[in-house]
Amino acid sequence: MAYDEGLAERVRQYLGADPGVTEKRMFGGIAFLFQGNMAVGVTGDDLMVRVGPDATDAALARPGTRLFDMTGRPTRGWVVVAGAAVTEDEALRAWIDEGRAFAASLPAK
């Protein structure tokens, strides 16, 4: 599955030259890892965000979200945000910040 290169580029621009961020192809798209832990990714036209199990319900209450599910088994702690919900830079930044904050709370790999 191809991924939205424009959305991926917007994520790259926001993350800038942060030395803790790396990119890796995963889930048929591109993932952005912070200190070795996935924070956000782009799959298809959508943004994947790792919010953590405790923040899943609050994340799902926001517009354009659904539980991440690639195998028929939804994964708490991960949400998919529809590309249409992150067309505004402010919305995209909020999701990236949330994903990076959760990844930063984990031990570095």
N, C-alpha and C. Protein backbone atom coordinates (compact mmCIF):
# COMPACT_ATOMS: atom_id res chain seq x y z
N MET A 1 0.84 -1.17 0.00
CA MET A 1 0.00 0.00 0.00
C MET A 1 0.89 1.25 0.00
N ALA A 2 0.62 2.14 -0.89
CA ALA A 2 1.36 3.39 -0.93
C ALA A 2 0.87 4.29 0.19
N TYR A 3 1.67 5.27 0.53
CA TYR A 3 1.27 6.21 1.57
C TYR A 3 1.34 7.63 1.02
N ASP A 4 0.62 8.52 1.66
CA ASP A 4 0.54 9.91 1.24
C ASP A 4 1.88 10.60 1.51
N GLU A 5 2.66 10.76 0.47
CA GLU A 5 3.99 11.36 0.61
C GLU A 5 3.90 12.81 1.06
N GLY A 6 2.82 13.51 0.66
CA GLY A 6 2.64 14.90 1.10
C GLY A 6 2.44 14.99 2.61
N LEU A 7 1.65 14.08 3.17
CA LEU A 7 1.44 14.05 4.61
C LEU A 7 2.74 13.68 5.32
N ALA A 8 3.46 12.71 4.78
CA ALA A 8 4.74 12.31 5.37
C ALA A 8 5.71 13.49 5.37
N GLU A 9 5.72 14.26 4.31
CA GLU A 9 6.62 15.41 4.23
C GLU A 9 6.23 16.48 5.26
N ARG A 10 4.95 16.67 5.48
CA ARG A 10 4.50 17.62 6.50
C ARG A 10 4.96 17.17 7.89
N VAL A 11 4.90 15.85 8.14
CA VAL A 11 5.38 15.32 9.43
C VAL A 11 6.88 15.58 9.54
N ARG A 12 7.63 15.28 8.47
CA ARG A 12 9.09 15.51 8.47
C ARG A 12 9.42 16.97 8.76
N GLN A 13 8.71 17.88 8.11
CA GLN A 13 8.98 19.32 8.30
C GLN A 13 8.73 19.72 9.74
N TYR A 14 7.67 19.21 10.35
CA TYR A 14 7.37 19.58 11.72
C TYR A 14 8.42 19.01 12.68
N LEU A 15 8.83 17.77 12.45
CA LEU A 15 9.81 17.15 13.34
C LEU A 15 11.20 17.76 13.15
N GLY A 16 11.42 18.36 11.98
CA GLY A 16 12.68 19.05 11.72
C GLY A 16 13.88 18.15 11.84
N ALA A 17 14.92 18.71 12.34
CA ALA A 17 16.18 17.98 12.44
C ALA A 17 16.38 17.39 13.84
N ASP A 18 15.31 17.03 14.51
CA ASP A 18 15.40 16.44 15.85
C ASP A 18 16.27 15.19 15.78
N PRO A 19 17.41 15.18 16.47
CA PRO A 19 18.33 14.04 16.37
C PRO A 19 17.75 12.75 16.96
N GLY A 20 16.68 12.87 17.76
CA GLY A 20 16.06 11.68 18.35
C GLY A 20 15.08 10.99 17.43
N VAL A 21 14.79 11.60 16.26
CA VAL A 21 13.78 11.07 15.34
C VAL A 21 14.44 10.32 14.19
N THR A 22 13.92 9.13 13.93
CA THR A 22 14.34 8.34 12.77
C THR A 22 13.10 7.90 12.01
N GLU A 23 13.30 7.53 10.76
CA GLU A 23 12.21 7.04 9.93
C GLU A 23 12.44 5.58 9.62
N LYS A 24 11.33 4.85 9.49
CA LYS A 24 11.42 3.43 9.15
C LYS A 24 10.17 3.02 8.40
N ARG A 25 10.33 2.27 7.35
CA ARG A 25 9.16 1.76 6.61
C ARG A 25 8.53 0.64 7.42
N MET A 26 7.24 0.80 7.73
CA MET A 26 6.48 -0.19 8.48
C MET A 26 5.01 -0.07 8.13
N PHE A 27 4.26 -1.13 8.38
CA PHE A 27 2.80 -1.13 8.21
C PHE A 27 2.39 -0.69 6.81
N GLY A 28 3.21 -0.92 5.81
CA GLY A 28 2.90 -0.49 4.46
C GLY A 28 3.02 1.00 4.27
N GLY A 29 3.65 1.68 5.21
CA GLY A 29 3.81 3.12 5.14
C GLY A 29 5.15 3.53 5.70
N ILE A 30 5.17 4.67 6.33
CA ILE A 30 6.39 5.19 6.93
C ILE A 30 6.11 5.53 8.40
N ALA A 31 7.02 5.14 9.26
CA ALA A 31 6.88 5.42 10.69
C ALA A 31 7.97 6.39 11.12
N PHE A 32 7.64 7.22 12.08
CA PHE A 32 8.59 8.16 12.66
C PHE A 32 8.78 7.74 14.11
N LEU A 33 10.01 7.39 14.43
CA LEU A 33 10.33 6.89 15.76
C LEU A 33 11.07 7.96 16.54
N PHE A 34 10.78 8.05 17.83
CA PHE A 34 11.48 8.96 18.72
C PHE A 34 12.23 8.11 19.73
N GLN A 35 13.54 8.23 19.74
CA GLN A 35 14.41 7.44 20.60
C GLN A 35 14.13 5.95 20.44
N GLY A 36 13.84 5.54 19.19
CA GLY A 36 13.64 4.14 18.87
C GLY A 36 12.22 3.63 19.06
N ASN A 37 11.33 4.44 19.57
CA ASN A 37 9.94 4.04 19.80
C ASN A 37 9.04 4.77 18.81
N MET A 38 8.12 4.03 18.18
CA MET A 38 7.25 4.67 17.22
C MET A 38 6.37 5.72 17.88
N ALA A 39 6.30 6.88 17.24
CA ALA A 39 5.46 7.98 17.72
C ALA A 39 4.28 8.18 16.79
N VAL A 40 4.55 8.36 15.50
CA VAL A 40 3.52 8.55 14.50
C VAL A 40 3.96 7.86 13.21
N GLY A 41 3.01 7.70 12.31
CA GLY A 41 3.33 7.14 11.00
C GLY A 41 2.27 7.54 10.00
N VAL A 42 2.56 7.29 8.75
CA VAL A 42 1.61 7.56 7.68
C VAL A 42 1.38 6.26 6.95
N THR A 43 0.12 5.89 6.83
CA THR A 43 -0.28 4.70 6.10
C THR A 43 -1.46 5.09 5.22
N GLY A 44 -1.35 4.83 3.95
CA GLY A 44 -2.39 5.30 3.03
C GLY A 44 -2.46 6.81 3.12
N ASP A 45 -3.67 7.33 3.30
CA ASP A 45 -3.87 8.78 3.44
C ASP A 45 -4.00 9.20 4.89
N ASP A 46 -3.75 8.29 5.82
CA ASP A 46 -4.03 8.53 7.23
C ASP A 46 -2.77 8.63 8.08
N LEU A 47 -2.95 9.21 9.25
CA LEU A 47 -1.88 9.33 10.23
C LEU A 47 -2.11 8.31 11.34
N MET A 48 -1.10 7.52 11.66
CA MET A 48 -1.16 6.62 12.81
C MET A 48 -0.49 7.34 13.97
N VAL A 49 -1.08 7.23 15.14
CA VAL A 49 -0.51 7.90 16.31
C VAL A 49 -0.49 6.93 17.48
N ARG A 50 0.65 6.84 18.12
CA ARG A 50 0.78 6.00 19.31
C ARG A 50 0.49 6.88 20.52
N VAL A 51 -0.68 6.68 21.11
CA VAL A 51 -1.10 7.53 22.23
C VAL A 51 -0.96 6.83 23.58
N GLY A 52 -0.82 5.53 23.58
CA GLY A 52 -0.74 4.77 24.82
C GLY A 52 -2.11 4.29 25.26
N PRO A 53 -2.15 3.16 25.95
CA PRO A 53 -3.43 2.56 26.35
C PRO A 53 -4.32 3.48 27.18
N ASP A 54 -3.73 4.27 28.08
CA ASP A 54 -4.53 5.12 28.96
C ASP A 54 -5.17 6.30 28.23
N ALA A 55 -4.64 6.67 27.07
CA ALA A 55 -5.16 7.83 26.33
C ALA A 55 -6.02 7.41 25.13
N THR A 56 -6.22 6.12 24.96
CA THR A 56 -6.95 5.64 23.78
C THR A 56 -8.38 6.18 23.72
N ASP A 57 -9.13 6.07 24.79
CA ASP A 57 -10.53 6.50 24.76
C ASP A 57 -10.66 7.99 24.46
N ALA A 58 -9.80 8.80 25.07
CA ALA A 58 -9.84 10.25 24.81
C ALA A 58 -9.49 10.54 23.35
N ALA A 59 -8.53 9.82 22.81
CA ALA A 59 -8.14 10.03 21.42
C ALA A 59 -9.28 9.64 20.48
N LEU A 60 -9.97 8.55 20.79
CA LEU A 60 -11.06 8.09 19.94
C LEU A 60 -12.28 9.02 19.99
N ALA A 61 -12.35 9.88 20.99
CA ALA A 61 -13.45 10.84 21.09
C ALA A 61 -13.22 12.04 20.18
N ARG A 62 -12.02 12.16 19.63
CA ARG A 62 -11.71 13.29 18.74
C ARG A 62 -12.14 12.96 17.31
N PRO A 63 -12.44 13.99 16.52
CA PRO A 63 -12.95 13.78 15.15
C PRO A 63 -11.97 13.02 14.26
N GLY A 64 -12.52 12.13 13.45
CA GLY A 64 -11.74 11.46 12.41
C GLY A 64 -10.85 10.33 12.88
N THR A 65 -11.09 9.81 14.09
CA THR A 65 -10.22 8.77 14.62
C THR A 65 -10.90 7.41 14.65
N ARG A 66 -10.07 6.39 14.60
CA ARG A 66 -10.53 5.02 14.79
C ARG A 66 -9.36 4.24 15.40
N LEU A 67 -9.67 3.12 16.00
CA LEU A 67 -8.66 2.27 16.59
C LEU A 67 -7.80 1.65 15.48
N PHE A 68 -6.51 1.59 15.69
CA PHE A 68 -5.60 0.97 14.74
C PHE A 68 -5.88 -0.52 14.68
N ASP A 69 -6.05 -1.05 13.49
CA ASP A 69 -6.37 -2.46 13.32
C ASP A 69 -5.88 -2.92 11.95
N MET A 70 -4.79 -3.68 11.93
CA MET A 70 -4.26 -4.20 10.67
C MET A 70 -4.56 -5.68 10.50
N THR A 71 -4.88 -6.36 11.59
CA THR A 71 -4.99 -7.81 11.52
C THR A 71 -6.36 -8.34 11.95
N GLY A 72 -7.32 -7.44 12.13
CA GLY A 72 -8.62 -7.86 12.65
C GLY A 72 -8.66 -7.85 14.16
N ARG A 73 -7.55 -7.44 14.77
CA ARG A 73 -7.48 -7.33 16.23
C ARG A 73 -7.07 -5.91 16.58
N PRO A 74 -8.03 -5.04 16.91
CA PRO A 74 -7.72 -3.65 17.23
C PRO A 74 -6.67 -3.55 18.34
N THR A 75 -5.84 -2.53 18.24
CA THR A 75 -4.74 -2.35 19.18
C THR A 75 -4.96 -1.10 20.02
N ARG A 76 -5.25 -1.28 21.31
CA ARG A 76 -5.37 -0.12 22.20
C ARG A 76 -4.02 0.55 22.31
N GLY A 77 -4.08 1.86 22.40
CA GLY A 77 -2.83 2.61 22.49
C GLY A 77 -2.39 3.20 21.16
N TRP A 78 -3.03 2.75 20.10
CA TRP A 78 -2.72 3.24 18.75
C TRP A 78 -4.02 3.67 18.09
N VAL A 79 -4.03 4.83 17.47
CA VAL A 79 -5.20 5.28 16.73
C VAL A 79 -4.78 5.69 15.32
N VAL A 80 -5.76 5.67 14.45
CA VAL A 80 -5.58 6.15 13.08
C VAL A 80 -6.43 7.40 12.96
N VAL A 81 -5.82 8.45 12.46
CA VAL A 81 -6.51 9.72 12.26
C VAL A 81 -6.67 9.91 10.76
N ALA A 82 -7.90 10.09 10.32
CA ALA A 82 -8.17 10.28 8.89
C ALA A 82 -7.39 11.48 8.37
N GLY A 83 -6.85 11.34 7.18
CA GLY A 83 -6.10 12.43 6.58
C GLY A 83 -6.88 13.73 6.54
N ALA A 84 -8.19 13.64 6.33
CA ALA A 84 -9.04 14.84 6.28
C ALA A 84 -9.07 15.57 7.62
N ALA A 85 -8.75 14.87 8.71
CA ALA A 85 -8.78 15.49 10.03
C ALA A 85 -7.47 16.19 10.38
N VAL A 86 -6.45 16.05 9.53
CA VAL A 86 -5.15 16.69 9.80
C VAL A 86 -4.71 17.58 8.65
N THR A 87 -5.67 18.12 7.92
CA THR A 87 -5.31 19.03 6.83
C THR A 87 -4.79 20.36 7.36
N GLU A 88 -5.25 20.75 8.54
CA GLU A 88 -4.75 21.98 9.17
C GLU A 88 -3.48 21.66 9.95
N ASP A 89 -2.47 22.53 9.81
CA ASP A 89 -1.19 22.30 10.48
C ASP A 89 -1.34 22.17 11.99
N GLU A 90 -2.21 22.95 12.59
CA GLU A 90 -2.39 22.91 14.04
C GLU A 90 -2.87 21.52 14.50
N ALA A 91 -3.81 20.94 13.77
CA ALA A 91 -4.31 19.61 14.12
C ALA A 91 -3.21 18.57 13.96
N LEU A 92 -2.47 18.64 12.87
CA LEU A 92 -1.38 17.68 12.64
C LEU A 92 -0.34 17.80 13.75
N ARG A 93 0.04 19.01 14.09
CA ARG A 93 1.05 19.21 15.14
C ARG A 93 0.59 18.66 16.48
N ALA A 94 -0.68 18.84 16.79
CA ALA A 94 -1.20 18.33 18.07
C ALA A 94 -1.06 16.82 18.14
N TRP A 95 -1.41 16.13 17.05
CA TRP A 95 -1.28 14.67 17.03
C TRP A 95 0.18 14.24 17.09
N ILE A 96 1.05 14.91 16.34
CA ILE A 96 2.48 14.56 16.37
C ILE A 96 3.03 14.76 17.77
N ASP A 97 2.68 15.87 18.40
CA ASP A 97 3.17 16.13 19.76
C ASP A 97 2.69 15.05 20.73
N GLU A 98 1.45 14.62 20.56
CA GLU A 98 0.91 13.59 21.45
C GLU A 98 1.66 12.27 21.26
N GLY A 99 1.89 11.90 20.01
CA GLY A 99 2.62 10.67 19.73
C GLY A 99 4.05 10.72 20.22
N ARG A 100 4.70 11.87 20.00
CA ARG A 100 6.10 12.00 20.44
C ARG A 100 6.18 11.99 21.97
N ALA A 101 5.21 12.61 22.64
CA ALA A 101 5.22 12.63 24.11
C ALA A 101 5.09 11.21 24.65
N PHE A 102 4.21 10.41 24.04
CA PHE A 102 4.10 9.03 24.54
C PHE A 102 5.38 8.26 24.27
N ALA A 103 5.92 8.39 23.07
CA ALA A 103 7.17 7.68 22.75
C ALA A 103 8.30 8.11 23.69
N ALA A 104 8.33 9.38 24.05
CA ALA A 104 9.37 9.89 24.96
C ALA A 104 9.21 9.34 26.38
N SER A 105 7.99 8.89 26.72
CA SER A 105 7.76 8.35 28.05
C SER A 105 8.27 6.92 28.19
N LEU A 106 8.64 6.31 27.07
CA LEU A 106 9.14 4.93 27.08
C LEU A 106 10.65 4.90 27.14
N PRO A 107 11.24 3.81 27.64
CA PRO A 107 12.70 3.71 27.63
C PRO A 107 13.22 3.74 26.19
N ALA A 108 14.29 4.45 25.97
CA ALA A 108 14.90 4.52 24.63
C ALA A 108 15.36 3.14 24.21
N LYS A 109 15.25 2.87 22.92
CA LYS A 109 15.71 1.56 22.38
C LYS A 109 17.05 1.74 21.72
